[in-house]
């Protein structure tokens, strides 16, 4: 009888330990998956912030008449990153915004006064006004498409945030 009680106690203890280990492992695995998902979400949010920042810097540099060669590398990296992780809808909108920036910036730069050497002076011709008028017509469309891109990104982040909370 004492042997049977010892066997029953040992089996019960082993069963309890096994169940405890199983549920502890399951909880830790679940926590690991959640932590990984939170990190991925945070990385995605940071990427989108950097992307929007690059676009904004590009537009600001153009409006100031400055060269934005230093942004080429940043823009190239962001574009490649977007192609890998962003949904097709957002990638399509990024392409639209980029195309409009290109069109607008070409006209805008042609509309700026032509510099006379390093004197800090420039001259304006009637042709400059024509290009600037065309650039000014395109600019509201650029602003609208940038707002649409921000809206798509917010929707994407909200959707991913809701998936995290499930």
Protein backbone atom coordinates (compact mmCIF):
# COMPACT_ATOMS: atom_id res chain seq x y z
CA UNK A 1 0.00 0.00 0.00
CA UNK A 2 2.81 2.37 0.88
CA UNK A 3 4.50 1.55 -2.44
CA UNK A 4 1.28 2.27 -4.32
CA UNK A 5 0.90 5.61 -2.54
CA UNK A 6 4.51 6.47 -3.38
CA UNK A 7 3.96 5.57 -7.04
CA UNK A 8 0.72 7.57 -7.19
CA UNK A 9 2.42 10.55 -5.51
CA UNK A 10 5.41 10.34 -7.88
CA UNK A 11 3.18 10.07 -10.97
CA UNK A 12 0.99 12.95 -9.74
CA UNK A 13 4.06 15.08 -9.08
CA UNK A 14 5.52 14.28 -12.50
CA UNK A 15 2.20 15.04 -14.14
CA UNK A 16 1.92 18.35 -12.28
CA UNK A 17 5.50 19.27 -13.21
CA UNK A 18 4.85 18.33 -16.85
CA UNK A 19 1.65 20.38 -17.01
CA UNK A 20 3.38 23.33 -15.34
CA UNK A 21 6.29 23.14 -17.78
CA UNK A 22 3.92 22.89 -20.73
CA UNK A 23 1.91 25.96 -19.77
CA UNK A 24 5.01 27.94 -18.75
CA UNK A 25 6.63 27.15 -22.09
CA UNK A 26 3.44 28.07 -23.93
CA UNK A 27 3.18 31.39 -22.05
CA UNK A 28 6.86 32.22 -22.70
CA UNK A 29 6.51 31.37 -26.38
CA UNK A 30 3.42 33.55 -26.60
CA UNK A 31 5.25 36.41 -24.87
CA UNK A 32 8.21 35.99 -27.25
CA UNK A 33 5.92 36.12 -30.30
CA UNK A 34 4.16 39.22 -28.90
CA UNK A 35 7.49 40.95 -28.18
CA UNK A 36 8.69 40.14 -31.69
CA UNK A 37 5.47 41.49 -33.19
CA UNK A 38 5.80 44.70 -31.14
CA UNK A 39 9.37 45.15 -32.37
CA UNK A 40 8.33 44.59 -35.97
CA UNK A 41 5.54 47.14 -35.55
CA UNK A 42 7.94 49.64 -34.00
CA UNK A 43 10.46 49.11 -36.81
CA UNK A 44 7.73 49.57 -39.43
CA UNK A 45 6.52 52.77 -37.77
CA UNK A 46 10.10 54.10 -37.63
CA UNK A 47 10.58 53.24 -41.30
CA UNK A 48 7.41 55.08 -42.31
CA UNK A 49 8.48 58.12 -40.28
CA UNK A 50 11.86 58.12 -42.05
CA UNK A 51 10.17 57.73 -45.43
CA UNK A 52 7.81 60.65 -44.86
CA UNK A 53 10.70 62.70 -43.50
CA UNK A 54 12.74 62.06 -46.67
CA UNK A 55 9.86 63.14 -48.86
CA UNK A 56 9.31 66.29 -46.77
CA UNK A 57 13.04 67.13 -46.82
CA UNK A 58 13.13 66.71 -50.59
CA UNK A 59 10.24 69.13 -51.07
CA UNK A 60 11.76 71.64 -48.64
CA UNK A 61 15.17 71.48 -50.32
CA UNK A 62 13.56 72.10 -53.70
CA UNK A 63 11.49 75.04 -52.38
CA UNK A 64 14.67 76.61 -50.97
CA UNK A 65 16.48 76.07 -54.26
CA UNK A 66 19.01 73.84 -52.55
CA UNK A 67 20.69 70.76 -53.95
CA UNK A 68 19.46 67.52 -52.44
CA UNK A 69 22.21 65.15 -53.61
CA UNK A 70 22.83 64.12 -50.00
CA UNK A 71 19.29 62.69 -49.93
CA UNK A 72 19.82 60.38 -52.92
CA UNK A 73 21.24 57.57 -50.80
CA UNK A 74 18.54 57.98 -48.14
CA UNK A 75 15.77 58.03 -50.74
CA UNK A 76 17.21 54.98 -52.50
CA UNK A 77 17.38 52.98 -49.25
CA UNK A 78 13.84 54.00 -48.29
CA UNK A 79 12.53 53.05 -51.72
CA UNK A 80 14.12 49.61 -51.56
CA UNK A 81 12.86 49.11 -48.00
CA UNK A 82 9.33 50.13 -49.04
CA UNK A 83 9.38 47.68 -51.93
CA UNK A 84 10.16 44.88 -49.50
CA UNK A 85 7.83 45.61 -46.60
CA UNK A 86 5.09 48.04 -47.60
CA UNK A 87 1.82 46.84 -49.09
CA UNK A 88 1.26 47.38 -52.82
CA UNK A 89 -1.23 50.18 -52.15
CA UNK A 90 1.35 52.20 -50.23
CA UNK A 91 4.11 51.41 -52.75
CA UNK A 92 1.84 52.61 -55.55
CA UNK A 93 1.16 55.85 -53.70
CA UNK A 94 4.90 56.34 -53.07
CA UNK A 95 5.50 56.03 -56.83
CA UNK A 96 2.73 58.55 -57.53
CA UNK A 97 4.17 61.03 -55.03
CA UNK A 98 7.68 60.54 -56.45
CA UNK A 99 6.46 61.13 -60.01
CA UNK A 100 4.66 64.32 -58.98
CA UNK A 101 7.71 65.54 -57.03
CA UNK A 102 9.85 64.95 -60.11
CA UNK A 103 7.46 66.85 -62.39
CA UNK A 104 6.94 69.67 -59.91
CA UNK A 105 10.63 70.01 -59.02
CA UNK A 106 11.69 70.16 -62.67
CA UNK A 107 9.29 73.02 -63.34
CA UNK A 108 9.98 74.73 -60.03
CA UNK A 109 13.76 74.76 -60.57
CA UNK A 110 13.32 76.12 -64.09
CA UNK A 111 11.15 78.86 -62.60
CA UNK A 112 13.83 80.00 -60.16
CA UNK A 113 16.02 82.98 -60.96
CA UNK A 114 19.21 82.06 -62.81
CA UNK A 115 22.25 82.73 -60.64
CA UNK A 116 25.03 84.95 -61.86
CA UNK A 117 28.19 83.17 -60.74
CA UNK A 118 28.97 83.37 -57.02
CA UNK A 119 27.66 86.91 -56.69
CA UNK A 120 24.46 85.90 -54.94
CA UNK A 121 22.55 87.72 -57.65
CA UNK A 122 20.30 86.31 -60.28
CA UNK A 123 18.11 87.30 -63.17
CA UNK A 124 14.56 86.38 -64.02
CA UNK A 125 13.09 86.10 -67.50
CA UNK A 126 9.50 85.77 -68.65
CA UNK A 127 10.20 82.07 -69.18
CA UNK A 128 10.87 81.67 -65.43
CA UNK A 129 7.34 82.88 -64.65
CA UNK A 130 5.85 80.38 -67.10
CA UNK A 131 7.63 77.47 -65.40
CA UNK A 132 6.82 78.74 -61.91
CA UNK A 133 3.13 79.08 -62.80
CA UNK A 134 3.07 75.46 -64.02
CA UNK A 135 4.89 74.33 -60.86
CA UNK A 136 2.38 76.23 -58.71
CA UNK A 137 -0.48 74.47 -60.51
CA UNK A 138 1.02 71.06 -59.70
CA UNK A 139 1.96 71.80 -56.08
CA UNK A 140 -1.58 71.40 -54.61
CA UNK A 141 -1.81 67.98 -56.27
CA UNK A 142 1.53 67.06 -54.69
CA UNK A 143 0.29 68.15 -51.28
CA UNK A 144 -2.93 66.14 -51.71
CA UNK A 145 -1.07 62.99 -52.76
CA UNK A 146 1.30 63.37 -49.81
CA UNK A 147 -1.71 63.62 -47.48
CA UNK A 148 -3.16 60.50 -49.14
CA UNK A 149 0.12 58.67 -48.55
CA UNK A 150 0.11 59.69 -44.89
CA UNK A 151 -3.49 58.50 -44.60
CA UNK A 152 -2.64 55.11 -46.14
CA UNK A 153 0.31 54.73 -43.78
CA UNK A 154 -1.85 55.60 -40.77
CA UNK A 155 -4.44 53.04 -41.87
CA UNK A 156 -1.75 50.39 -42.29
CA UNK A 157 -0.28 51.11 -38.86
CA UNK A 158 -3.77 51.09 -37.26
CA UNK A 159 -4.52 47.72 -38.86
CA UNK A 160 -1.25 46.26 -37.62
CA UNK A 161 -1.76 47.75 -34.15
CA UNK A 162 -5.21 46.12 -33.94
CA UNK A 163 -3.70 42.79 -34.97
CA UNK A 164 -1.23 43.12 -32.09
CA UNK A 165 -4.02 43.61 -29.58
CA UNK A 166 -5.77 40.39 -30.55
